[in-house]
PDB file of N, CA and C in Angstrom:
ATOM      1  N   MET A   1       0.818  -1.193   0.000  1.00  0.00           N
ATOM      2  CA  MET A   1       0.000   0.000   0.000  1.00  0.00           C
ATOM      3  C   MET A   1       0.865   1.262   0.000  1.00  0.00           C
ATOM      4  N   VAL A   2       1.871   1.297   0.868  1.00  0.00           N
ATOM      5  CA  VAL A   2       2.764   2.453   0.939  1.00  0.00           C
ATOM      6  C   VAL A   2       3.559   2.589  -0.351  1.00  0.00           C
ATOM      7  N   GLU A   3       4.009   1.457  -0.903  1.00  0.00           N
ATOM      8  CA  GLU A   3       4.778   1.494  -2.141  1.00  0.00           C
ATOM      9  C   GLU A   3       3.938   2.068  -3.283  1.00  0.00           C
ATOM     10  N   GLY A   4       2.670   1.692  -3.355  1.00  0.00           N
ATOM     11  CA  GLY A   4       1.779   2.235  -4.381  1.00  0.00           C
ATOM     12  C   GLY A   4       1.598   3.727  -4.233  1.00  0.00           C
ATOM     13  N   SER A   5       1.514   4.177  -2.990  1.00  0.00           N
ATOM     14  CA  SER A   5       1.377   5.603  -2.720  1.00  0.00           C
ATOM     15  C   SER A   5       2.631   6.363  -3.149  1.00  0.00           C
ATOM     16  N   LEU A   6       3.808   5.766  -2.868  1.00  0.00           N
ATOM     17  CA  LEU A   6       5.063   6.409  -3.281  1.00  0.00           C
ATOM     18  C   LEU A   6       5.165   6.492  -4.796  1.00  0.00           C
ATOM     19  N   GLN A   7       4.751   5.426  -5.490  1.00  0.00           N
ATOM     20  CA  GLN A   7       4.766   5.434  -6.954  1.00  0.00           C
ATOM     21  C   GLN A   7       3.786   6.471  -7.486  1.00  0.00           C
ATOM     22  N   SER A   8       2.647   6.577  -6.838  1.00  0.00           N
ATOM     23  CA  SER A   8       1.651   7.557  -7.241  1.00  0.00           C
ATOM     24  C   SER A   8       2.198   8.976  -7.069  1.00  0.00           C
ATOM     25  N   ASP A   9       2.840   9.229  -5.923  1.00  0.00           N
ATOM     26  CA  ASP A   9       3.445  10.550  -5.694  1.00  0.00           C
ATOM     27  C   ASP A   9       4.528  10.840  -6.716  1.00  0.00           C
ATOM     28  N   ARG A  10       5.354   9.851  -7.001  1.00  0.00           N
ATOM     29  CA  ARG A  10       6.426  10.014  -7.975  1.00  0.00           C
ATOM     30  C   ARG A  10       5.832  10.323  -9.352  1.00  0.00           C
ATOM     31  N   ARG A  11       4.768   9.617  -9.711  1.00  0.00           N
ATOM     32  CA  ARG A  11       4.125   9.826 -11.009  1.00  0.00           C
ATOM     33  C   ARG A  11       3.531  11.237 -11.104  1.00  0.00           C
ATOM     34  N   ARG A  12       2.918  11.693 -10.007  1.00  0.00           N
ATOM     35  CA  ARG A  12       2.359  13.046 -10.003  1.00  0.00           C
ATOM     36  C   ARG A  12       3.445  14.093 -10.203  1.00  0.00           C
ATOM     37  N   ARG A  13       4.596  13.897  -9.526  1.00  0.00           N
ATOM     38  CA  ARG A  13       5.710  14.837  -9.694  1.00  0.00           C
ATOM     39  C   ARG A  13       6.214  14.828 -11.134  1.00  0.00           C
ATOM     40  N   GLU A  14       6.287  13.644 -11.739  1.00  0.00           N
ATOM     41  CA  GLU A  14       6.735  13.557 -13.136  1.00  0.00           C
ATOM     42  C   GLU A  14       5.764  14.276 -14.061  1.00  0.00           C
ATOM     43  N   LEU A  15       4.469  14.053 -13.855  1.00  0.00           N
ATOM     44  CA  LEU A  15       3.473  14.716 -14.690  1.00  0.00           C
ATOM     45  C   LEU A  15       3.534  16.227 -14.519  1.00  0.00           C
ATOM     46  N   TRP A  16       3.703  16.666 -13.279  1.00  0.00           N
ATOM     47  CA  TRP A  16       3.799  18.102 -13.024  1.00  0.00           C
ATOM     48  C   TRP A  16       4.996  18.691 -13.753  1.00  0.00           C
ATOM     49  N   ALA A  17       6.128  18.000 -13.689  1.00  0.00           N
ATOM     50  CA  ALA A  17       7.337  18.486 -14.352  1.00  0.00           C
ATOM     51  C   ALA A  17       7.157  18.534 -15.863  1.00  0.00           C
ATOM     52  N   GLN A  18       6.430  17.565 -16.418  1.00  0.00           N
ATOM     53  CA  GLN A  18       6.235  17.510 -17.868  1.00  0.00           C
ATOM     54  C   GLN A  18       5.270  18.575 -18.360  1.00  0.00           C
ATOM     55  N   HIS A  19       4.226  18.845 -17.610  1.00  0.00           N
ATOM     56  CA  HIS A  19       3.123  19.658 -18.130  1.00  0.00           C
ATOM     57  C   HIS A  19       3.016  21.067 -17.548  1.00  0.00           C
ATOM     58  N   SER A  20       3.841  21.427 -16.601  1.00  0.00           N
ATOM     59  CA  SER A  20       3.570  22.660 -15.872  1.00  0.00           C
ATOM     60  C   SER A  20       4.178  23.920 -16.459  1.00  0.00           C
ATOM     61  N   LYS A  21       5.201  23.801 -17.300  1.00  0.00           N
ATOM     62  CA  LYS A  21       5.830  24.979 -17.922  1.00  0.00           C
ATOM     63  C   LYS A  21       6.213  26.010 -16.866  1.00  0.00           C
ATOM     64  N   ILE A  22       6.989  25.573 -15.888  1.00  0.00           N
ATOM     65  CA  ILE A  22       7.373  26.452 -14.785  1.00  0.00           C
ATOM     66  C   ILE A  22       8.702  27.131 -15.085  1.00  0.00           C
ATOM     67  N   LEU A  23       8.760  28.392 -14.807  1.00  0.00           N
ATOM     68  CA  LEU A  23      10.004  29.151 -14.889  1.00  0.00           C
ATOM     69  C   LEU A  23      10.423  29.473 -13.458  1.00  0.00           C
ATOM     70  N   LEU A  24      11.524  28.877 -12.999  1.00  0.00           N
ATOM     71  CA  LEU A  24      11.973  29.147 -11.645  1.00  0.00           C
ATOM     72  C   LEU A  24      12.758  30.442 -11.606  1.00  0.00           C
ATOM     73  N   VAL A  25      12.421  31.261 -10.676  1.00  0.00           N
ATOM     74  CA  VAL A  25      13.135  32.508 -10.466  1.00  0.00           C
ATOM     75  C   VAL A  25      14.131  32.247  -9.347  1.00  0.00           C
ATOM     76  N   GLN A  26      15.400  32.058  -9.708  1.00  0.00           N
ATOM     77  CA  GLN A  26      16.415  31.615  -8.773  1.00  0.00           C
ATOM     78  C   GLN A  26      16.627  32.590  -7.608  1.00  0.00           C
ATOM     79  N   ALA A  27      16.598  33.863  -7.872  1.00  0.00           N
ATOM     80  CA  ALA A  27      16.929  34.825  -6.820  1.00  0.00           C
ATOM     81  C   ALA A  27      15.962  34.766  -5.648  1.00  0.00           C
ATOM     82  N   ASN A  28      14.684  34.597  -5.923  1.00  0.00           N
ATOM     83  CA  ASN A  28      13.680  34.628  -4.857  1.00  0.00           C
ATOM     84  C   ASN A  28      13.121  33.247  -4.529  1.00  0.00           C
ATOM     85  N   HIS A  29      13.556  32.226  -5.223  1.00  0.00           N
ATOM     86  CA  HIS A  29      13.021  30.884  -5.057  1.00  0.00           C
ATOM     87  C   HIS A  29      11.511  30.866  -5.239  1.00  0.00           C
ATOM     88  N   LEU A  30      11.036  31.671  -6.158  1.00  0.00           N
ATOM     89  CA  LEU A  30       9.619  31.718  -6.483  1.00  0.00           C
ATOM     90  C   LEU A  30       9.396  31.010  -7.803  1.00  0.00           C
ATOM     91  N   ALA A  31       8.208  30.540  -8.022  1.00  0.00           N
ATOM     92  CA  ALA A  31       7.902  29.887  -9.281  1.00  0.00           C
ATOM     93  C   ALA A  31       6.841  30.695 -10.014  1.00  0.00           C
ATOM     94  N   ASP A  32       7.142  31.070 -11.248  1.00  0.00           N
ATOM     95  CA  ASP A  32       6.151  31.674 -12.114  1.00  0.00           C
ATOM     96  C   ASP A  32       5.463  30.527 -12.841  1.00  0.00           C
ATOM     97  N   ILE A  33       4.163  30.479 -12.774  1.00  0.00           N
ATOM     98  CA  ILE A  33       3.419  29.385 -13.389  1.00  0.00           C
ATOM     99  C   ILE A  33       2.665  29.932 -14.590  1.00  0.00           C
ATOM    100  N   HIS A  34       2.881  29.325 -15.740  1.00  0.00           N
ATOM    101  CA  HIS A  34       2.229  29.753 -16.967  1.00  0.00           C
ATOM    102  C   HIS A  34       0.742  29.449 -16.883  1.00  0.00           C
ATOM    103  N   LEU A  35      -0.079  30.326 -17.448  1.00  0.00           N
ATOM    104  CA  LEU A  35      -1.526  30.125 -17.410  1.00  0.00           C
ATOM    105  C   LEU A  35      -1.930  28.787 -18.034  1.00  0.00           C
ATOM    106  N   THR A  36      -1.192  28.333 -19.025  1.00  0.00           N
ATOM    107  CA  THR A  36      -1.494  27.049 -19.666  1.00  0.00           C
ATOM    108  C   THR A  36      -1.394  25.908 -18.659  1.00  0.00           C
ATOM    109  N   ALA A  37      -0.430  25.993 -17.747  1.00  0.00           N
ATOM    110  CA  ALA A  37      -0.282  24.947 -16.731  1.00  0.00           C
ATOM    111  C   ALA A  37      -1.510  24.900 -15.831  1.00  0.00           C
ATOM    112  N   ILE A  38      -2.050  26.051 -15.500  1.00  0.00           N
ATOM    113  CA  ILE A  38      -3.268  26.096 -14.687  1.00  0.00           C
ATOM    114  C   ILE A  38      -4.426  25.489 -15.466  1.00  0.00           C
ATOM    115  N   LEU A  39      -4.522  25.825 -16.740  1.00  0.00           N
ATOM    116  CA  LEU A  39      -5.619  25.320 -17.570  1.00  0.00           C
ATOM    117  C   LEU A  39      -5.531  23.811 -17.794  1.00  0.00           C
ATOM    118  N   GLU A  40      -4.323  23.247 -17.723  1.00  0.00           N
ATOM    119  CA  GLU A  40      -4.149  21.811 -17.920  1.00  0.00           C
ATOM    120  C   GLU A  40      -4.436  20.999 -16.665  1.00  0.00           C
ATOM    121  N   HIS A  41      -4.603  21.666 -15.524  1.00  0.00           N
ATOM    122  CA  HIS A  41      -4.898  20.942 -14.285  1.00  0.00           C
ATOM    123  C   HIS A  41      -6.229  20.202 -14.459  1.00  0.00           C
ATOM    124  N   PRO A  42      -6.303  18.938 -14.002  1.00  0.00           N
ATOM    125  CA  PRO A  42      -7.526  18.141 -14.202  1.00  0.00           C
ATOM    126  C   PRO A  42      -8.803  18.815 -13.705  1.00  0.00           C
ATOM    127  N   ASN A  43      -8.763  19.516 -12.596  1.00  0.00           N
ATOM    128  CA  ASN A  43      -9.974  20.169 -12.084  1.00  0.00           C
ATOM    129  C   ASN A  43     -10.403  21.347 -12.954  1.00  0.00           C
ATOM    130  N   ILE A  44      -9.455  22.042 -13.527  1.00  0.00           N
ATOM    131  CA  ILE A  44      -9.768  23.200 -14.371  1.00  0.00           C
ATOM    132  C   ILE A  44     -10.142  22.758 -15.783  1.00  0.00           C
ATOM    133  N   SER A  45      -9.444  21.769 -16.309  1.00  0.00           N
ATOM    134  CA  SER A  45      -9.675  21.336 -17.694  1.00  0.00           C
ATOM    135  C   SER A  45     -11.053  20.711 -17.900  1.00  0.00           C
ATOM    136  N   LYS A  46     -11.710  20.298 -16.820  1.00  0.00           N
ATOM    137  CA  LYS A  46     -13.035  19.674 -16.940  1.00  0.00           C
ATOM    138  C   LYS A  46     -14.182  20.683 -16.790  1.00  0.00           C
ATOM    139  N   LEU A  47     -13.860  21.955 -16.570  1.00  0.00           N
ATOM    140  CA  LEU A  47     -14.902  22.965 -16.398  1.00  0.00           C
ATOM    141  C   LEU A  47     -15.695  23.159 -17.683  1.00  0.00           C
ATOM    142  N   LYS A  48     -16.979  23.416 -17.523  1.00  0.00           N
ATOM    143  CA  LYS A  48     -17.845  23.759 -18.646  1.00  0.00           C
ATOM    144  C   LYS A  48     -18.515  25.073 -18.305  1.00  0.00           C
ATOM    145  N   PRO A  49     -18.488  26.091 -19.133  1.00  0.00           N
ATOM    146  CA  PRO A  49     -17.775  26.166 -20.398  1.00  0.00           C
ATOM    147  C   PRO A  49     -16.266  26.107 -20.178  1.00  0.00           C
ATOM    148  N   GLU A  50     -15.574  25.728 -21.229  1.00  0.00           N
ATOM    149  CA  GLU A  50     -14.129  25.516 -21.164  1.00  0.00           C
ATOM    150  C   GLU A  50     -13.390  26.793 -20.786  1.00  0.00           C
ATOM    151  N   ALA A  51     -12.462  26.651 -19.847  1.00  0.00           N
ATOM    152  CA  ALA A  51     -11.633  27.786 -19.433  1.00  0.00           C
ATOM    153  C   ALA A  51     -10.575  28.059 -20.500  1.00  0.00           C
ATOM    154  N   THR A  52     -10.300  29.332 -20.741  1.00  0.00           N
ATOM    155  CA  THR A  52      -9.282  29.736 -21.710  1.00  0.00           C
ATOM    156  C   THR A  52      -8.316  30.702 -21.033  1.00  0.00           C
ATOM    157  N   GLN A  53      -7.190  30.972 -21.685  1.00  0.00           N
ATOM    158  CA  GLN A  53      -6.241  31.933 -21.134  1.00  0.00           C
ATOM    159  C   GLN A  53      -6.879  33.311 -20.999  1.00  0.00           C
ATOM    160  N   VAL A  54      -7.674  33.702 -21.964  1.00  0.00           N
ATOM    161  CA  VAL A  54      -8.319  35.018 -21.925  1.00  0.00           C
ATOM    162  C   VAL A  54      -9.258  35.111 -20.723  1.00  0.00           C
ATOM    163  N   LEU A  55     -10.079  34.076 -20.521  1.00  0.00           N
ATOM    164  CA  LEU A  55     -11.005  34.081 -19.387  1.00  0.00           C
ATOM    165  C   LEU A  55     -10.266  34.021 -18.055  1.00  0.00           C
ATOM    166  N   LEU A  56      -9.179  33.246 -18.003  1.00  0.00           N
ATOM    167  CA  LEU A  56      -8.398  33.144 -16.778  1.00  0.00           C
ATOM    168  C   LEU A  56      -7.741  34.484 -16.445  1.00  0.00           C
ATOM    169  N   LYS A  57      -7.168  35.148 -17.441  1.00  0.00           N
ATOM    170  CA  LYS A  57      -6.562  36.472 -17.211  1.00  0.00           C
ATOM    171  C   LYS A  57      -7.627  37.462 -16.744  1.00  0.00           C
ATOM    172  N   GLN A  58      -8.794  37.424 -17.367  1.00  0.00           N
ATOM    173  CA  GLN A  58      -9.886  38.319 -16.999  1.00  0.00           C
ATOM    174  C   GLN A  58     -10.312  38.076 -15.547  1.00  0.00           C
ATOM    175  N   ALA A  59     -10.448  36.808 -15.161  1.00  0.00           N
ATOM    176  CA  ALA A  59     -10.842  36.469 -13.795  1.00  0.00           C
ATOM    177  C   ALA A  59      -9.786  36.934 -12.793  1.00  0.00           C
ATOM    178  N   LEU A  60      -8.513  36.757 -13.124  1.00  0.00           N
ATOM    179  CA  LEU A  60      -7.447  37.174 -12.218  1.00  0.00           C
ATOM    180  C   LEU A  60      -7.404  38.694 -12.056  1.00  0.00           C
ATOM    181  N   HIS A  61      -7.785  39.422 -13.096  1.00  0.00           N
ATOM    182  CA  HIS A  61      -7.818  40.882 -13.000  1.00  0.00           C
ATOM    183  C   HIS A  61      -9.046  41.357 -12.231  1.00  0.00           C
ATOM    184  N   GLU A  62     -10.199  40.758 -12.508  1.00  0.00           N
ATOM    185  CA  GLU A  62     -11.443  41.190 -11.868  1.00  0.00           C
ATOM    186  C   GLU A  62     -11.510  40.791 -10.396  1.00  0.00           C
ATOM    187  N   HIS A  63     -10.862  39.711 -10.034  1.00  0.00           N
ATOM    188  CA  HIS A  63     -10.885  39.214  -8.651  1.00  0.00           C
ATOM    189  C   HIS A  63      -9.446  39.129  -8.152  1.00  0.00           C
ATOM    190  N   SER A  64      -8.844  40.291  -7.987  1.00  0.00           N
ATOM    191  CA  SER A  64      -7.435  40.327  -7.606  1.00  0.00           C
ATOM    192  C   SER A  64      -7.234  39.658  -6.246  1.00  0.00           C
ATOM    193  N   SER A  65      -6.033  39.159  -6.061  1.00  0.00           N
ATOM    194  CA  SER A  65      -5.684  38.404  -4.869  1.00  0.00           C
ATOM    195  C   SER A  65      -4.586  39.118  -4.094  1.00  0.00           C
ATOM    196  N   ALA A  66      -4.634  38.988  -2.779  1.00  0.00           N
ATOM    197  CA  ALA A  66      -3.571  39.534  -1.939  1.00  0.00           C
ATOM    198  C   ALA A  66      -2.348  38.634  -1.975  1.00  0.00           C
ATOM    199  N   ILE A  67      -2.512  37.422  -2.492  1.00  0.00           N
ATOM    200  CA  ILE A  67      -1.426  36.446  -2.504  1.00  0.00           C
ATOM    201  C   ILE A  67      -0.796  36.306  -3.891  1.00  0.00           C
ATOM    202  N   LEU A  68      -1.592  36.406  -4.950  1.00  0.00           N
ATOM    203  CA  LEU A  68      -1.089  36.184  -6.309  1.00  0.00           C
ATOM    204  C   LEU A  68      -0.883  37.484  -7.060  1.00  0.00           C
ATOM    205  N   GLU A  69       0.087  37.462  -7.996  1.00  0.00           N
ATOM    206  CA  GLU A  69       0.300  38.592  -8.890  1.00  0.00           C
ATOM    207  C   GLU A  69       0.595  38.069 -10.286  1.00  0.00           C
ATOM    208  N   MET A  70       0.250  38.896 -11.277  1.00  0.00           N
ATOM    209  CA  MET A  70       0.501  38.546 -12.674  1.00  0.00           C
ATOM    210  C   MET A  70       1.856  39.100 -13.084  1.00  0.00           C
ATOM    211  N   SER A  71       2.520  38.415 -14.020  1.00  0.00           N
ATOM    212  CA  SER A  71       3.781  38.908 -14.560  1.00  0.00           C
ATOM    213  C   SER A  71       3.496  40.070 -15.502  1.00  0.00           C
ATOM    214  N   GLN A  72       4.566  40.732 -15.945  1.00  0.00           N
ATOM    215  CA  GLN A  72       4.392  41.869 -16.850  1.00  0.00           C
ATOM    216  C   GLN A  72       3.776  41.457 -18.175  1.00  0.00           C
ATOM    217  N   ASN A  73       4.115  40.251 -18.663  1.00  0.00           N
ATOM    218  CA  ASN A  73       3.555  39.840 -19.952  1.00  0.00           C
ATOM    219  C   ASN A  73       2.167  39.214 -19.813  1.00  0.00           C
ATOM    220  N   GLN A  74       1.653  39.120 -18.573  1.00  0.00           N
ATOM    221  CA  GLN A  74       0.307  38.646 -18.282  1.00  0.00           C
ATOM    222  C   GLN A  74       0.060  37.167 -18.593  1.00  0.00           C
ATOM    223  N   TYR A  75       1.114  36.381 -18.810  1.00  0.00           N
ATOM    224  CA  TYR A  75       0.945  34.949 -19.087  1.00  0.00           C
ATOM    225  C   TYR A  75       1.475  34.073 -17.959  1.00  0.00           C
ATOM    226  N   TYR A  76       2.022  34.679 -16.915  1.00  0.00           N
ATOM    227  CA  TYR A  76       2.523  33.940 -15.762  1.00  0.00           C
ATOM    228  C   TYR A  76       1.899  34.507 -14.500  1.00  0.00           C
ATOM    229  N   VAL A  77       1.705  33.647 -13.522  1.00  0.00           N
ATOM    230  CA  VAL A  77       1.189  34.066 -12.225  1.00  0.00           C
ATOM    231  C   VAL A  77       2.119  33.483 -11.155  1.00  0.00           C
ATOM    232  N   ARG A  78       2.269  34.199 -10.047  1.00  0.00           N
ATOM    233  CA  ARG A  78       3.108  33.711  -8.959  1.00  0.00           C
ATOM    234  C   ARG A  78       2.620  34.310  -7.646  1.00  0.00           C
ATOM    235  N   ARG A  79       3.111  33.726  -6.545  1.00  0.00           N
ATOM    236  CA  ARG A  79       2.827  34.286  -5.233  1.00  0.00           C
ATOM    237  C   ARG A  79       3.579  35.593  -5.094  1.00  0.00           C
ATOM    238  N   ARG A  80       2.959  36.554  -4.450  1.00  0.00           N
ATOM    239  CA  ARG A  80       3.645  37.822  -4.178  1.00  0.00           C
ATOM    240  C   ARG A  80       4.816  37.569  -3.238  1.00  0.00           C
ATOM    241  N   PRO A  81       5.955  38.219  -3.479  1.00  0.00           N
ATOM    242  CA  PRO A  81       7.121  38.026  -2.609  1.00  0.00           C
ATOM    243  C   PRO A  81       6.829  38.343  -1.143  1.00  0.00           C
ATOM    244  N   SER A  82       5.895  39.234  -0.882  1.00  0.00           N
ATOM    245  CA  SER A  82       5.573  39.589   0.502  1.00  0.00           C
ATOM    246  C   SER A  82       4.928  38.435   1.260  1.00  0.00           C
ATOM    247  N   THR A  83       4.456  37.419   0.551  1.00  0.00           N
ATOM    248  CA  THR A  83       3.834  36.265   1.213  1.00  0.00           C
ATOM    249  C   THR A  83       4.845  35.161   1.498  1.00  0.00           C
ATOM    250  N   ASN A  84       6.121  35.376   1.168  1.00  0.00           N
ATOM    251  CA  ASN A  84       7.157  34.356   1.405  1.00  0.00           C
ATOM    252  C   ASN A  84       7.985  34.707   2.614  1.00  0.00           C
ATOM    253  N   PRO A  85       8.465  33.781   3.360  1.00  0.00           N
ATOM    254  CA  PRO A  85       8.001  32.406   3.380  1.00  0.00           C
ATOM    255  C   PRO A  85       6.691  32.315   4.158  1.00  0.00           C
ATOM    256  N   LEU A  86       5.905  31.315   3.831  1.00  0.00           N
ATOM    257  CA  LEU A  86       4.663  31.111   4.560  1.00  0.00           C
ATOM    258  C   LEU A  86       4.993  30.719   5.999  1.00  0.00           C
ATOM    259  N   PRO A  87       4.190  31.128   6.960  1.00  0.00           N
ATOM    260  CA  PRO A  87       4.520  30.881   8.364  1.00  0.00           C
ATOM    261  C   PRO A  87       4.577  29.406   8.743  1.00  0.00           C
ATOM    262  N   PHE A  88       3.890  28.535   8.013  1.00  0.00           N
ATOM    263  CA  PHE A  88       3.869  27.122   8.373  1.00  0.00           C
ATOM    264  C   PHE A  88       4.930  26.307   7.651  1.00  0.00           C
ATOM    265  N   VAL A  89       5.763  26.937   6.826  1.00  0.00           N
ATOM    266  CA  VAL A  89       6.827  26.235   6.125  1.00  0.00           C
ATOM    267  C   VAL A  89       8.118  26.348   6.934  1.00  0.00           C
ATOM    268  N   PRO A  90       8.667  25.214   7.372  1.00  0.00           N
ATOM    269  CA  PRO A  90       9.903  25.287   8.163  1.00  0.00           C
ATOM    270  C   PRO A  90      11.069  25.813   7.330  1.00  0.00           C
ATOM    271  N   ALA A  91      11.998  26.481   7.976  1.00  0.00           N
ATOM    272  CA  ALA A  91      13.151  27.059   7.288  1.00  0.00           C
ATOM    273  C   ALA A  91      14.021  25.982   6.662  1.00  0.00           C
ATOM    274  N   THR A  92      13.991  24.785   7.195  1.00  0.00           N
ATOM    275  CA  THR A  92      14.831  23.684   6.685  1.00  0.00           C
ATOM    276  C   THR A  92      14.012  22.761   5.788  1.00  0.00           C
ATOM    277  N   ARG A  93      13.125  23.326   4.985  1.00  0.00           N
ATOM    278  CA  ARG A  93      12.252  22.515   4.122  1.00  0.00           C
ATOM    279  C   ARG A  93      13.056  21.816   3.039  1.00  0.00           C
ATOM    280  N   LEU A  94      12.526  20.724   2.549  1.00  0.00           N
ATOM    281  CA  LEU A  94      13.136  19.967   1.472  1.00  0.00           C
ATOM    282  C   LEU A  94      12.657  20.542   0.151  1.00  0.00           C
ATOM    283  N   ILE A  95      13.577  20.961  -0.706  1.00  0.00           N
ATOM    284  CA  ILE A  95      13.232  21.509  -2.005  1.00  0.00           C
ATOM    285  C   ILE A  95      13.388  20.428  -3.048  1.00  0.00           C
ATOM    286  N   LEU A  96      12.299  20.123  -3.769  1.00  0.00           N
ATOM    287  CA  LEU A  96      12.337  19.081  -4.805  1.00  0.00           C
ATOM    288  C   LEU A  96      12.616  19.668  -6.145  1.00  0.00           C
TER     289      LEU A  96
END
């Protein structure tokens, strides 16, 4: 049972790495996530009507977040630097 769970976790990490189109920002250890990666998430991709980059950008602008910010080119989203590090993340966290 535990071995299956480990394989499942490993598979999820592989899928995330393949499909997420992440640009790591080395200086701040922040991840910019492309809107396409959000749209490819299983929960988002099954929405009806279908979610698009235009609709996602519009939603992010109309319902701004205290935690998220858009990049200058409007195709990437990331956590605001002021929210790092989160209070529940230990300083000695494991970075994958």
